[in-house]
Amino acid sequence: MSSTPTVREQFLVISALGANPMELTNVLCRASHENRCSVVTSRLTRHGECSALILQVSGSWDALARLETGLSSLSKKHAFTTSVVRSATLENRPEALPYVAYVSSAYRPDIINELCQFFI
C-alpha cells in the first residue's frame, strides 16, 4: 500500500512599496489568491507618502513560481516596486521569552543604533 506524498509547502516573502496602501494590498492579495497561494502573514505600514507591504505567501512550487513571474507586470501596471525572496519555515524557535520594550527618549540620530546594541 503506497501513500501519496504530501506536497511540501514553500514560502515566498514579498515586500512592496507604493503610494496607495489599499491598492497595494488588494492587488497583491488578489494575485496570490488567483495563483492558488495563501497569505500567511502580512504587515502594512505607512512611511510619509509611501506605504510598505510585506507578505509571506505559501503554496506549491509551481504556484509560487507563477505568482513570482506575474509580479513584475503587476508592479509596472499599478506603479509600485517589489522585492521577492524564497523562504522556509522557521524550524526551531529559540528557547526564549518574548518581550516588548517601550522607549521614550529625546531624539538623537544614533538612538536606534544604540537601542539595537542594547538588545543584541
PDB file of N, CA and C in Angstrom:
ATOM      1  N   MET A   1       0.850  -1.163   0.000  1.00  0.00           N
ATOM      2  CA  MET A   1       0.000   0.000   0.000  1.00  0.00           C
ATOM      3  C   MET A   1       0.902   1.234   0.000  1.00  0.00           C
ATOM      4  N   SER A   2       0.766   2.048  -0.990  1.00  0.00           N
ATOM      5  CA  SER A   2       1.594   3.262  -1.064  1.00  0.00           C
ATOM      6  C   SER A   2       0.745   4.478  -0.722  1.00  0.00           C
ATOM      7  N   SER A   3       1.360   5.367  -0.017  1.00  0.00           N
ATOM      8  CA  SER A   3       0.651   6.598   0.328  1.00  0.00           C
ATOM      9  C   SER A   3       1.098   7.699  -0.611  1.00  0.00           C
ATOM     10  N   THR A   4       0.203   8.597  -0.889  1.00  0.00           N
ATOM     11  CA  THR A   4       0.559   9.708  -1.767  1.00  0.00           C
ATOM     12  C   THR A   4       1.425  10.688  -0.996  1.00  0.00           C
ATOM     13  N   PRO A   5       2.527  11.121  -1.596  1.00  0.00           N
ATOM     14  CA  PRO A   5       3.399  12.054  -0.891  1.00  0.00           C
ATOM     15  C   PRO A   5       2.719  13.405  -0.721  1.00  0.00           C
ATOM     16  N   THR A   6       2.925  14.003   0.421  1.00  0.00           N
ATOM     17  CA  THR A   6       2.349  15.323   0.650  1.00  0.00           C
ATOM     18  C   THR A   6       3.179  16.362  -0.085  1.00  0.00           C
ATOM     19  N   VAL A   7       2.509  17.331  -0.619  1.00  0.00           N
ATOM     20  CA  VAL A   7       3.188  18.412  -1.313  1.00  0.00           C
ATOM     21  C   VAL A   7       3.842  19.288  -0.258  1.00  0.00           C
ATOM     22  N   ARG A   8       5.136  19.475  -0.419  1.00  0.00           N
ATOM     23  CA  ARG A   8       5.853  20.285   0.571  1.00  0.00           C
ATOM     24  C   ARG A   8       5.535  21.751   0.340  1.00  0.00           C
ATOM     25  N   GLU A   9       5.057  22.372   1.385  1.00  0.00           N
ATOM     26  CA  GLU A   9       4.692  23.780   1.304  1.00  0.00           C
ATOM     27  C   GLU A   9       5.955  24.632   1.291  1.00  0.00           C
ATOM     28  N   GLN A  10       5.965  25.602   0.390  1.00  0.00           N
ATOM     29  CA  GLN A  10       7.090  26.514   0.280  1.00  0.00           C
ATOM     30  C   GLN A  10       6.589  27.931   0.498  1.00  0.00           C
ATOM     31  N   PHE A  11       7.512  28.844   0.720  1.00  0.00           N
ATOM     32  CA  PHE A  11       7.140  30.206   1.070  1.00  0.00           C
ATOM     33  C   PHE A  11       7.861  31.225   0.206  1.00  0.00           C
ATOM     34  N   LEU A  12       7.195  32.349   0.034  1.00  0.00           N
ATOM     35  CA  LEU A  12       7.726  33.493  -0.694  1.00  0.00           C
ATOM     36  C   LEU A  12       7.470  34.712   0.178  1.00  0.00           C
ATOM     37  N   VAL A  13       8.484  35.546   0.365  1.00  0.00           N
ATOM     38  CA  VAL A  13       8.303  36.791   1.100  1.00  0.00           C
ATOM     39  C   VAL A  13       8.356  37.921   0.083  1.00  0.00           C
ATOM     40  N   ILE A  14       7.282  38.692   0.006  1.00  0.00           N
ATOM     41  CA  ILE A  14       7.158  39.790  -0.958  1.00  0.00           C
ATOM     42  C   ILE A  14       7.133  41.094  -0.181  1.00  0.00           C
ATOM     43  N   SER A  15       8.039  41.996  -0.513  1.00  0.00           N
ATOM     44  CA  SER A  15       7.962  43.344   0.057  1.00  0.00           C
ATOM     45  C   SER A  15       7.651  44.296  -1.083  1.00  0.00           C
ATOM     46  N   ALA A  16       6.690  45.164  -0.864  1.00  0.00           N
ATOM     47  CA  ALA A  16       6.236  46.078  -1.911  1.00  0.00           C
ATOM     48  C   ALA A  16       6.118  47.489  -1.353  1.00  0.00           C
ATOM     49  N   LEU A  17       6.498  48.464  -2.169  1.00  0.00           N
ATOM     50  CA  LEU A  17       6.387  49.880  -1.812  1.00  0.00           C
ATOM     51  C   LEU A  17       5.532  50.582  -2.846  1.00  0.00           C
ATOM     52  N   GLY A  18       4.568  51.371  -2.390  1.00  0.00           N
ATOM     53  CA  GLY A  18       3.702  52.109  -3.297  1.00  0.00           C
ATOM     54  C   GLY A  18       3.011  53.251  -2.580  1.00  0.00           C
ATOM     55  N   ALA A  19       2.339  54.090  -3.356  1.00  0.00           N
ATOM     56  CA  ALA A  19       1.687  55.273  -2.792  1.00  0.00           C
ATOM     57  C   ALA A  19       0.321  54.956  -2.185  1.00  0.00           C
ATOM     58  N   ASN A  20      -0.431  54.048  -2.791  1.00  0.00           N
ATOM     59  CA  ASN A  20      -1.796  53.758  -2.362  1.00  0.00           C
ATOM     60  C   ASN A  20      -1.837  52.443  -1.571  1.00  0.00           C
ATOM     61  N   PRO A  21      -2.023  52.494  -0.254  1.00  0.00           N
ATOM     62  CA  PRO A  21      -1.973  51.263   0.540  1.00  0.00           C
ATOM     63  C   PRO A  21      -3.083  50.268   0.216  1.00  0.00           C
ATOM     64  N   MET A  22      -4.287  50.742  -0.076  1.00  0.00           N
ATOM     65  CA  MET A  22      -5.391  49.827  -0.355  1.00  0.00           C
ATOM     66  C   MET A  22      -5.202  49.119  -1.692  1.00  0.00           C
ATOM     67  N   GLU A  23      -4.741  49.860  -2.699  1.00  0.00           N
ATOM     68  CA  GLU A  23      -4.489  49.240  -3.998  1.00  0.00           C
ATOM     69  C   GLU A  23      -3.359  48.225  -3.893  1.00  0.00           C
ATOM     70  N   LEU A  24      -2.317  48.575  -3.178  1.00  0.00           N
ATOM     71  CA  LEU A  24      -1.174  47.689  -2.984  1.00  0.00           C
ATOM     72  C   LEU A  24      -1.617  46.370  -2.353  1.00  0.00           C
ATOM     73  N   THR A  25      -2.383  46.466  -1.297  1.00  0.00           N
ATOM     74  CA  THR A  25      -2.871  45.278  -0.598  1.00  0.00           C
ATOM     75  C   THR A  25      -3.821  44.474  -1.471  1.00  0.00           C
ATOM     76  N   ASN A  26      -4.761  45.145  -2.113  1.00  0.00           N
ATOM     77  CA  ASN A  26      -5.747  44.473  -2.948  1.00  0.00           C
ATOM     78  C   ASN A  26      -5.092  43.734  -4.108  1.00  0.00           C
ATOM     79  N   VAL A  27      -4.190  44.394  -4.811  1.00  0.00           N
ATOM     80  CA  VAL A  27      -3.557  43.797  -5.993  1.00  0.00           C
ATOM     81  C   VAL A  27      -2.737  42.566  -5.608  1.00  0.00           C
ATOM     82  N   LEU A  28      -1.931  42.671  -4.559  1.00  0.00           N
ATOM     83  CA  LEU A  28      -1.064  41.548  -4.194  1.00  0.00           C
ATOM     84  C   LEU A  28      -1.834  40.386  -3.574  1.00  0.00           C
ATOM     85  N   CYS A  29      -2.839  40.667  -2.771  1.00  0.00           N
ATOM     86  CA  CYS A  29      -3.640  39.582  -2.194  1.00  0.00           C
ATOM     87  C   CYS A  29      -4.478  38.881  -3.261  1.00  0.00           C
ATOM     88  N   ARG A  30      -5.011  39.651  -4.208  1.00  0.00           N
ATOM     89  CA  ARG A  30      -5.772  39.044  -5.305  1.00  0.00           C
ATOM     90  C   ARG A  30      -4.858  38.176  -6.170  1.00  0.00           C
ATOM     91  N   ALA A  31      -3.664  38.667  -6.476  1.00  0.00           N
ATOM     92  CA  ALA A  31      -2.714  37.891  -7.281  1.00  0.00           C
ATOM     93  C   ALA A  31      -2.335  36.596  -6.566  1.00  0.00           C
ATOM     94  N   SER A  32      -2.161  36.646  -5.269  1.00  0.00           N
ATOM     95  CA  SER A  32      -1.852  35.436  -4.500  1.00  0.00           C
ATOM     96  C   SER A  32      -2.992  34.434  -4.604  1.00  0.00           C
ATOM     97  N   HIS A  33      -4.211  34.906  -4.422  1.00  0.00           N
ATOM     98  CA  HIS A  33      -5.381  34.030  -4.493  1.00  0.00           C
ATOM     99  C   HIS A  33      -5.549  33.438  -5.895  1.00  0.00           C
ATOM    100  N   GLU A  34      -5.398  34.255  -6.920  1.00  0.00           N
ATOM    101  CA  GLU A  34      -5.566  33.780  -8.300  1.00  0.00           C
ATOM    102  C   GLU A  34      -4.514  32.743  -8.686  1.00  0.00           C
ATOM    103  N   ASN A  35      -3.357  32.769  -8.047  1.00  0.00           N
ATOM    104  CA  ASN A  35      -2.298  31.805  -8.340  1.00  0.00           C
ATOM    105  C   ASN A  35      -2.269  30.650  -7.344  1.00  0.00           C
ATOM    106  N   ARG A  36      -3.370  30.458  -6.614  1.00  0.00           N
ATOM    107  CA  ARG A  36      -3.535  29.362  -5.663  1.00  0.00           C
ATOM    108  C   ARG A  36      -2.490  29.385  -4.550  1.00  0.00           C
ATOM    109  N   CYS A  37      -2.193  30.579  -4.067  1.00  0.00           N
ATOM    110  CA  CYS A  37      -1.289  30.755  -2.932  1.00  0.00           C
ATOM    111  C   CYS A  37      -2.083  31.315  -1.755  1.00  0.00           C
ATOM    112  N   SER A  38      -1.555  31.127  -0.571  1.00  0.00           N
ATOM    113  CA  SER A  38      -2.212  31.627   0.639  1.00  0.00           C
ATOM    114  C   SER A  38      -1.327  32.649   1.328  1.00  0.00           C
ATOM    115  N   VAL A  39      -1.929  33.732   1.773  1.00  0.00           N
ATOM    116  CA  VAL A  39      -1.193  34.734   2.542  1.00  0.00           C
ATOM    117  C   VAL A  39      -1.107  34.232   3.982  1.00  0.00           C
ATOM    118  N   VAL A  40       0.115  34.024   4.458  1.00  0.00           N
ATOM    119  CA  VAL A  40       0.345  33.510   5.806  1.00  0.00           C
ATOM    120  C   VAL A  40       0.423  34.660   6.804  1.00  0.00           C
ATOM    121  N   THR A  41       1.244  35.652   6.503  1.00  0.00           N
ATOM    122  CA  THR A  41       1.354  36.834   7.356  1.00  0.00           C
ATOM    123  C   THR A  41       1.431  38.070   6.479  1.00  0.00           C
ATOM    124  N   SER A  42       1.008  39.188   7.022  1.00  0.00           N
ATOM    125  CA  SER A  42       1.097  40.452   6.281  1.00  0.00           C
ATOM    126  C   SER A  42       1.324  41.598   7.254  1.00  0.00           C
ATOM    127  N   ARG A  43       2.064  42.582   6.795  1.00  0.00           N
ATOM    128  CA  ARG A  43       2.305  43.805   7.563  1.00  0.00           C
ATOM    129  C   ARG A  43       2.208  44.980   6.601  1.00  0.00           C
ATOM    130  N   LEU A  44       1.388  45.958   6.939  1.00  0.00           N
ATOM    131  CA  LEU A  44       1.233  47.157   6.123  1.00  0.00           C
ATOM    132  C   LEU A  44       1.554  48.353   6.996  1.00  0.00           C
ATOM    133  N   THR A  45       2.488  49.174   6.560  1.00  0.00           N
ATOM    134  CA  THR A  45       2.865  50.368   7.320  1.00  0.00           C
ATOM    135  C   THR A  45       2.940  51.562   6.390  1.00  0.00           C
ATOM    136  N   ARG A  46       2.739  52.735   6.976  1.00  0.00           N
ATOM    137  CA  ARG A  46       2.841  53.991   6.224  1.00  0.00           C
ATOM    138  C   ARG A  46       4.117  54.699   6.637  1.00  0.00           C
ATOM    139  N   HIS A  47       4.815  55.237   5.659  1.00  0.00           N
ATOM    140  CA  HIS A  47       6.038  56.000   5.884  1.00  0.00           C
ATOM    141  C   HIS A  47       5.944  57.253   5.027  1.00  0.00           C
ATOM    142  N   GLY A  48       5.386  58.311   5.586  1.00  0.00           N
ATOM    143  CA  GLY A  48       5.172  59.523   4.805  1.00  0.00           C
ATOM    144  C   GLY A  48       4.143  59.260   3.724  1.00  0.00           C
ATOM    145  N   GLU A  49       4.483  59.558   2.486  1.00  0.00           N
ATOM    146  CA  GLU A  49       3.575  59.320   1.357  1.00  0.00           C
ATOM    147  C   GLU A  49       3.666  57.892   0.828  1.00  0.00           C
ATOM    148  N   CYS A  50       4.566  57.111   1.352  1.00  0.00           N
ATOM    149  CA  CYS A  50       4.815  55.764   0.852  1.00  0.00           C
ATOM    150  C   CYS A  50       4.217  54.723   1.797  1.00  0.00           C
ATOM    151  N   SER A  51       3.717  53.635   1.227  1.00  0.00           N
ATOM    152  CA  SER A  51       3.212  52.509   2.008  1.00  0.00           C
ATOM    153  C   SER A  51       4.104  51.310   1.754  1.00  0.00           C
ATOM    154  N   ALA A  52       4.367  50.547   2.800  1.00  0.00           N
ATOM    155  CA  ALA A  52       5.178  49.336   2.687  1.00  0.00           C
ATOM    156  C   ALA A  52       4.326  48.138   3.095  1.00  0.00           C
ATOM    157  N   LEU A  53       4.269  47.142   2.221  1.00  0.00           N
ATOM    158  CA  LEU A  53       3.521  45.922   2.491  1.00  0.00           C
ATOM    159  C   LEU A  53       4.487  44.752   2.420  1.00  0.00           C
ATOM    160  N   ILE A  54       4.482  43.926   3.463  1.00  0.00           N
ATOM    161  CA  ILE A  54       5.294  42.715   3.465  1.00  0.00           C
ATOM    162  C   ILE A  54       4.346  41.540   3.628  1.00  0.00           C
ATOM    163  N   LEU A  55       4.412  40.605   2.682  1.00  0.00           N
ATOM    164  CA  LEU A  55       3.561  39.416   2.703  1.00  0.00           C
ATOM    165  C   LEU A  55       4.425  38.169   2.753  1.00  0.00           C
ATOM    166  N   GLN A  56       4.030  37.197   3.569  1.00  0.00           N
ATOM    167  CA  GLN A  56       4.596  35.864   3.477  1.00  0.00           C
ATOM    168  C   GLN A  56       3.505  35.012   2.856  1.00  0.00           C
ATOM    169  N   VAL A  57       3.823  34.431   1.718  1.00  0.00           N
ATOM    170  CA  VAL A  57       2.847  33.681   0.937  1.00  0.00           C
ATOM    171  C   VAL A  57       3.300  32.229   0.870  1.00  0.00           C
ATOM    172  N   SER A  58       2.363  31.297   1.012  1.00  0.00           N
ATOM    173  CA  SER A  58       2.700  29.876   0.928  1.00  0.00           C
ATOM    174  C   SER A  58       1.982  29.245  -0.253  1.00  0.00           C
ATOM    175  N   GLY A  59       2.546  28.139  -0.717  1.00  0.00           N
ATOM    176  CA  GLY A  59       1.943  27.409  -1.817  1.00  0.00           C
ATOM    177  C   GLY A  59       2.900  26.376  -2.362  1.00  0.00           C
ATOM    178  N   SER A  60       2.461  25.665  -3.375  1.00  0.00           N
ATOM    179  CA  SER A  60       3.343  24.701  -4.031  1.00  0.00           C
ATOM    180  C   SER A  60       4.371  25.460  -4.860  1.00  0.00           C
ATOM    181  N   TRP A  61       5.424  24.766  -5.274  1.00  0.00           N
ATOM    182  CA  TRP A  61       6.499  25.449  -6.001  1.00  0.00           C
ATOM    183  C   TRP A  61       5.998  26.058  -7.296  1.00  0.00           C
ATOM    184  N   ASP A  62       5.084  25.379  -7.999  1.00  0.00           N
ATOM    185  CA  ASP A  62       4.613  25.914  -9.279  1.00  0.00           C
ATOM    186  C   ASP A  62       3.682  27.111  -9.083  1.00  0.00           C
ATOM    187  N   ALA A  63       2.880  27.091  -8.027  1.00  0.00           N
ATOM    188  CA  ALA A  63       2.003  28.236  -7.748  1.00  0.00           C
ATOM    189  C   ALA A  63       2.829  29.462  -7.382  1.00  0.00           C
ATOM    190  N   LEU A  64       3.864  29.267  -6.561  1.00  0.00           N
ATOM    191  CA  LEU A  64       4.737  30.384  -6.194  1.00  0.00           C
ATOM    192  C   LEU A  64       5.509  30.907  -7.398  1.00  0.00           C
ATOM    193  N   ALA A  65       5.911  30.011  -8.286  1.00  0.00           N
ATOM    194  CA  ALA A  65       6.630  30.436  -9.493  1.00  0.00           C
ATOM    195  C   ALA A  65       5.731  31.284 -10.390  1.00  0.00           C
ATOM    196  N   ARG A  66       4.459  30.888 -10.535  1.00  0.00           N
ATOM    197  CA  ARG A  66       3.520  31.686 -11.338  1.00  0.00           C
ATOM    198  C   ARG A  66       3.319  33.064 -10.722  1.00  0.00           C
ATOM    199  N   LEU A  67       3.152  33.103  -9.402  1.00  0.00           N
ATOM    200  CA  LEU A  67       2.976  34.380  -8.714  1.00  0.00           C
ATOM    201  C   LEU A  67       4.213  35.254  -8.886  1.00  0.00           C
ATOM    202  N   GLU A  68       5.375  34.681  -8.686  1.00  0.00           N
ATOM    203  CA  GLU A  68       6.634  35.424  -8.794  1.00  0.00           C
ATOM    204  C   GLU A  68       6.830  35.981 -10.200  1.00  0.00           C
ATOM    205  N   THR A  69       6.470  35.215 -11.204  1.00  0.00           N
ATOM    206  CA  THR A  69       6.606  35.657 -12.592  1.00  0.00           C
ATOM    207  C   THR A  69       5.677  36.821 -12.902  1.00  0.00           C
ATOM    208  N   GLY A  70       4.471  36.805 -12.363  1.00  0.00           N
ATOM    209  CA  GLY A  70       3.500  37.854 -12.657  1.00  0.00           C
ATOM    210  C   GLY A  70       3.685  39.150 -11.888  1.00  0.00           C
ATOM    211  N   LEU A  71       4.531  39.148 -10.866  1.00  0.00           N
ATOM    212  CA  LEU A  71       4.680  40.343 -10.034  1.00  0.00           C
ATOM    213  C   LEU A  71       5.288  41.527 -10.772  1.00  0.00           C
ATOM    214  N   SER A  72       6.212  41.282 -11.691  1.00  0.00           N
ATOM    215  CA  SER A  72       6.848  42.417 -12.383  1.00  0.00           C
ATOM    216  C   SER A  72       5.845  43.187 -13.236  1.00  0.00           C
ATOM    217  N   SER A  73       4.960  42.479 -13.938  1.00  0.00           N
ATOM    218  CA  SER A  73       3.966  43.186 -14.753  1.00  0.00           C
ATOM    219  C   SER A  73       2.938  43.905 -13.872  1.00  0.00           C
ATOM    220  N   LEU A  74       2.575  43.301 -12.747  1.00  0.00           N
ATOM    221  CA  LEU A  74       1.645  43.963 -11.823  1.00  0.00           C
ATOM    222  C   LEU A  74       2.255  45.225 -11.232  1.00  0.00           C
ATOM    223  N   SER A  75       3.527  45.163 -10.884  1.00  0.00           N
ATOM    224  CA  SER A  75       4.167  46.336 -10.282  1.00  0.00           C
ATOM    225  C   SER A  75       4.292  47.477 -11.285  1.00  0.00           C
ATOM    226  N   LYS A  76       4.514  47.154 -12.554  1.00  0.00           N
ATOM    227  CA  LYS A  76       4.561  48.208 -13.580  1.00  0.00           C
ATOM    228  C   LYS A  76       3.173  48.796 -13.818  1.00  0.00           C
ATOM    229  N   LYS A  77       2.173  47.932 -13.888  1.00  0.00           N
ATOM    230  CA  LYS A  77       0.810  48.376 -14.169  1.00  0.00           C
ATOM    231  C   LYS A  77       0.250  49.264 -13.057  1.00  0.00           C
ATOM    232  N   HIS A  78       0.567  48.945 -11.800  1.00  0.00           N
ATOM    233  CA  HIS A  78      -0.010  49.666 -10.662  1.00  0.00           C
ATOM    234  C   HIS A  78       0.974  50.602  -9.971  1.00  0.00           C
ATOM    235  N   ALA A  79       2.131  50.815 -10.562  1.00  0.00           N
ATOM    236  CA  ALA A  79       3.137  51.782 -10.087  1.00  0.00           C
ATOM    237  C   ALA A  79       3.595  51.531  -8.651  1.00  0.00           C
ATOM    238  N   PHE A  80       4.068  50.316  -8.395  1.00  0.00           N
ATOM    239  CA  PHE A  80       4.729  50.033  -7.126  1.00  0.00           C
ATOM    240  C   PHE A  80       5.950  49.162  -7.391  1.00  0.00           C
ATOM    241  N   THR A  81       6.842  49.083  -6.426  1.00  0.00           N
ATOM    242  CA  THR A  81       8.045  48.265  -6.580  1.00  0.00           C
ATOM    243  C   THR A  81       7.947  47.044  -5.679  1.00  0.00           C
ATOM    244  N   THR A  82       8.548  45.944  -6.126  1.00  0.00           N
ATOM    245  CA  THR A  82       8.522  44.713  -5.338  1.00  0.00           C
ATOM    246  C   THR A  82       9.918  44.118  -5.214  1.00  0.00           C
ATOM    247  N   SER A  83      10.082  43.388  -4.154  1.00  0.00           N
ATOM    248  CA  SER A  83      11.279  42.588  -3.924  1.00  0.00           C
ATOM    249  C   SER A  83      10.790  41.237  -3.420  1.00  0.00           C
ATOM    250  N   VAL A  84      11.328  40.158  -3.974  1.00  0.00           N
ATOM    251  CA  VAL A  84      10.826  38.827  -3.662  1.00  0.00           C
ATOM    252  C   VAL A  84      11.978  37.930  -3.217  1.00  0.00           C
ATOM    253  N   VAL A  85      11.736  37.159  -2.157  1.00  0.00           N
ATOM    254  CA  VAL A  85      12.735  36.228  -1.637  1.00  0.00           C
ATOM    255  C   VAL A  85      12.042  34.914  -1.299  1.00  0.00           C
ATOM    256  N   ARG A  86      12.641  33.788  -1.708  1.00  0.00           N
ATOM    257  CA  ARG A  86      12.136  32.481  -1.285  1.00  0.00           C
ATOM    258  C   ARG A  86      12.508  32.274   0.170  1.00  0.00           C
ATOM    259  N   SER A  87      11.628  31.635   0.911  1.00  0.00           N
ATOM    260  CA  SER A  87      11.857  31.466   2.344  1.00  0.00           C
ATOM    261  C   SER A  87      11.445  30.060   2.761  1.00  0.00           C
ATOM    262  N   ALA A  88      11.796  29.703   3.974  1.00  0.00           N
ATOM    263  CA  ALA A  88      11.393  28.425   4.551  1.00  0.00           C
ATOM    264  C   ALA A  88      10.746  28.708   5.903  1.00  0.00           C
ATOM    265  N   THR A  89      10.122  27.689   6.453  1.00  0.00           N
ATOM    266  CA  THR A  89       9.531  27.864   7.773  1.00  0.00           C
ATOM    267  C   THR A  89      10.635  27.975   8.809  1.00  0.00           C
ATOM    268  N   LEU A  90      10.327  28.613   9.888  1.00  0.00           N
ATOM    269  CA  LEU A  90      11.261  28.714  10.996  1.00  0.00           C
ATOM    270  C   LEU A  90      11.153  27.411  11.774  1.00  0.00           C
ATOM    271  N   GLU A  91      12.127  26.523  11.562  1.00  0.00           N
ATOM    272  CA  GLU A  91      12.051  25.175  12.134  1.00  0.00           C
ATOM    273  C   GLU A  91      12.112  25.185  13.660  1.00  0.00           C
ATOM    274  N   ASN A  92      13.159  25.739  14.199  1.00  0.00           N
ATOM    275  CA  ASN A  92      13.331  25.726  15.650  1.00  0.00           C
ATOM    276  C   ASN A  92      13.286  27.137  16.196  1.00  0.00           C
ATOM    277  N   ARG A  93      12.397  27.341  17.107  1.00  0.00           N
ATOM    278  CA  ARG A  93      12.350  28.638  17.781  1.00  0.00           C
ATOM    279  C   ARG A  93      13.303  28.584  18.966  1.00  0.00           C
ATOM    280  N   PRO A  94      14.046  29.646  19.168  1.00  0.00           N
ATOM    281  CA  PRO A  94      14.974  29.645  20.304  1.00  0.00           C
ATOM    282  C   PRO A  94      14.224  29.595  21.635  1.00  0.00           C
ATOM    283  N   GLU A  95      14.873  29.022  22.627  1.00  0.00           N
ATOM    284  CA  GLU A  95      14.293  28.945  23.967  1.00  0.00           C
ATOM    285  C   GLU A  95      14.410  30.313  24.627  1.00  0.00           C
ATOM    286  N   ALA A  96      13.433  31.140  24.422  1.00  0.00           N
ATOM    287  CA  ALA A  96      13.456  32.487  24.988  1.00  0.00           C
ATOM    288  C   ALA A  96      12.028  32.961  25.198  1.00  0.00           C
ATOM    289  N   LEU A  97      11.880  33.911  26.065  1.00  0.00           N
ATOM    290  CA  LEU A  97      10.579  34.519  26.308  1.00  0.00           C
ATOM    291  C   LEU A  97      10.460  35.803  25.502  1.00  0.00           C
ATOM    292  N   PRO A  98       9.343  35.998  24.827  1.00  0.00           N
ATOM    293  CA  PRO A  98       9.171  37.256  24.091  1.00  0.00           C
ATOM    294  C   PRO A  98       8.919  38.409  25.058  1.00  0.00           C
ATOM    295  N   TYR A  99       9.323  39.582  24.657  1.00  0.00           N
ATOM    296  CA  TYR A  99       9.088  40.763  25.477  1.00  0.00           C
ATOM    297  C   TYR A  99       8.893  41.976  24.589  1.00  0.00           C
ATOM    298  N   VAL A 100       8.333  43.014  25.180  1.00  0.00           N
ATOM    299  CA  VAL A 100       8.090  44.274  24.487  1.00  0.00           C
ATOM    300  C   VAL A 100       8.787  45.367  25.276  1.00  0.00           C
ATOM    301  N   ALA A 101       9.435  46.275  24.563  1.00  0.00           N
ATOM    302  CA  ALA A 101      10.099  47.405  25.224  1.00  0.00           C
ATOM    303  C   ALA A 101       9.500  48.696  24.693  1.00  0.00           C
ATOM    304  N   TYR A 102       9.025  49.526  25.583  1.00  0.00           N
ATOM    305  CA  TYR A 102       8.532  50.848  25.219  1.00  0.00           C
ATOM    306  C   TYR A 102       9.620  51.849  25.578  1.00  0.00           C
ATOM    307  N   VAL A 103      10.031  52.641  24.607  1.00  0.00           N
ATOM    308  CA  VAL A 103      11.128  53.578  24.822  1.00  0.00           C
ATOM    309  C   VAL A 103      10.623  54.990  24.597  1.00  0.00           C
ATOM    310  N   SER A 104      10.900  55.847  25.546  1.00  0.00           N
ATOM    311  CA  SER A 104      10.585  57.261  25.416  1.00  0.00           C
ATOM    312  C   SER A 104      11.886  58.021  25.641  1.00  0.00           C
ATOM    313  N   SER A 105      12.319  58.757  24.619  1.00  0.00           N
ATOM    314  CA  SER A 105      13.601  59.455  24.743  1.00  0.00           C
ATOM    315  C   SER A 105      13.613  60.682  23.848  1.00  0.00           C
ATOM    316  N   ALA A 106      14.589  61.528  24.093  1.00  0.00           N
ATOM    317  CA  ALA A 106      14.802  62.681  23.219  1.00  0.00           C
ATOM    318  C   ALA A 106      15.364  62.181  21.892  1.00  0.00           C
ATOM    319  N   TYR A 107      15.054  62.890  20.823  1.00  0.00           N
ATOM    320  CA  TYR A 107      15.522  62.468  19.509  1.00  0.00           C
ATOM    321  C   TYR A 107      17.025  62.691  19.385  1.00  0.00           C
ATOM    322  N   ARG A 108      17.692  61.646  18.966  1.00  0.00           N
ATOM    323  CA  ARG A 108      19.097  61.719  18.586  1.00  0.00           C
ATOM    324  C   ARG A 108      19.256  60.837  17.358  1.00  0.00           C
ATOM    325  N   PRO A 109      20.064  61.251  16.379  1.00  0.00           N
ATOM    326  CA  PRO A 109      20.213  60.450  15.162  1.00  0.00           C
ATOM    327  C   PRO A 109      20.709  59.024  15.410  1.00  0.00           C
ATOM    328  N   ASP A 110      21.463  58.789  16.464  1.00  0.00           N
ATOM    329  CA  ASP A 110      22.031  57.465  16.702  1.00  0.00           C
ATOM    330  C   ASP A 110      21.251  56.627  17.723  1.00  0.00           C
ATOM    331  N   ILE A 111      20.068  57.065  18.123  1.00  0.00           N
ATOM    332  CA  ILE A 111      19.336  56.376  19.187  1.00  0.00           C
ATOM    333  C   ILE A 111      18.903  54.962  18.781  1.00  0.00           C
ATOM    334  N   ILE A 112      18.482  54.764  17.545  1.00  0.00           N
ATOM    335  CA  ILE A 112      18.060  53.429  17.097  1.00  0.00           C
ATOM    336  C   ILE A 112      19.238  52.467  17.149  1.00  0.00           C
ATOM    337  N   ASN A 113      20.393  52.914  16.689  1.00  0.00           N
ATOM    338  CA  ASN A 113      21.584  52.075  16.727  1.00  0.00           C
ATOM    339  C   ASN A 113      21.915  51.669  18.163  1.00  0.00           C
ATOM    340  N   GLU A 114      21.855  52.605  19.093  1.00  0.00           N
ATOM    341  CA  GLU A 114      22.156  52.294  20.490  1.00  0.00           C
ATOM    342  C   GLU A 114      21.137  51.325  21.084  1.00  0.00           C
ATOM    343  N   LEU A 115      19.871  51.472  20.732  1.00  0.00           N
ATOM    344  CA  LEU A 115      18.853  50.534  21.218  1.00  0.00           C
ATOM    345  C   LEU A 115      19.099  49.129  20.686  1.00  0.00           C
ATOM    346  N   CYS A 116      19.440  49.030  19.426  1.00  0.00           N
ATOM    347  CA  CYS A 116      19.722  47.716  18.837  1.00  0.00           C
ATOM    348  C   CYS A 116      20.915  47.061  19.525  1.00  0.00           C
ATOM    349  N   GLN A 117      21.945  47.834  19.820  1.00  0.00           N
ATOM    350  CA  GLN A 117      23.120  47.292  20.505  1.00  0.00           C
ATOM    351  C   GLN A 117      22.754  46.770  21.897  1.00  0.00           C
ATOM    352  N   PHE A 118      21.834  47.434  22.561  1.00  0.00           N
ATOM    353  CA  PHE A 118      21.413  47.004  23.891  1.00  0.00           C
ATOM    354  C   PHE A 118      20.761  45.624  23.847  1.00  0.00           C
ATOM    355  N   PHE A 119      19.954  45.344  22.806  1.00  0.00           N
ATOM    356  CA  PHE A 119      19.194  44.102  22.749  1.00  0.00           C
ATOM    357  C   PHE A 119      19.941  42.956  22.080  1.00  0.00           C
ATOM    358  N   ILE A 120      21.133  43.209  21.587  1.00  0.00           N
ATOM    359  CA  ILE A 120      21.902  42.131  20.925  1.00  0.00           C
ATOM    360  C   ILE A 120      22.537  41.236  21.962  1.00  0.00           C
TER     361      ILE A 120
END
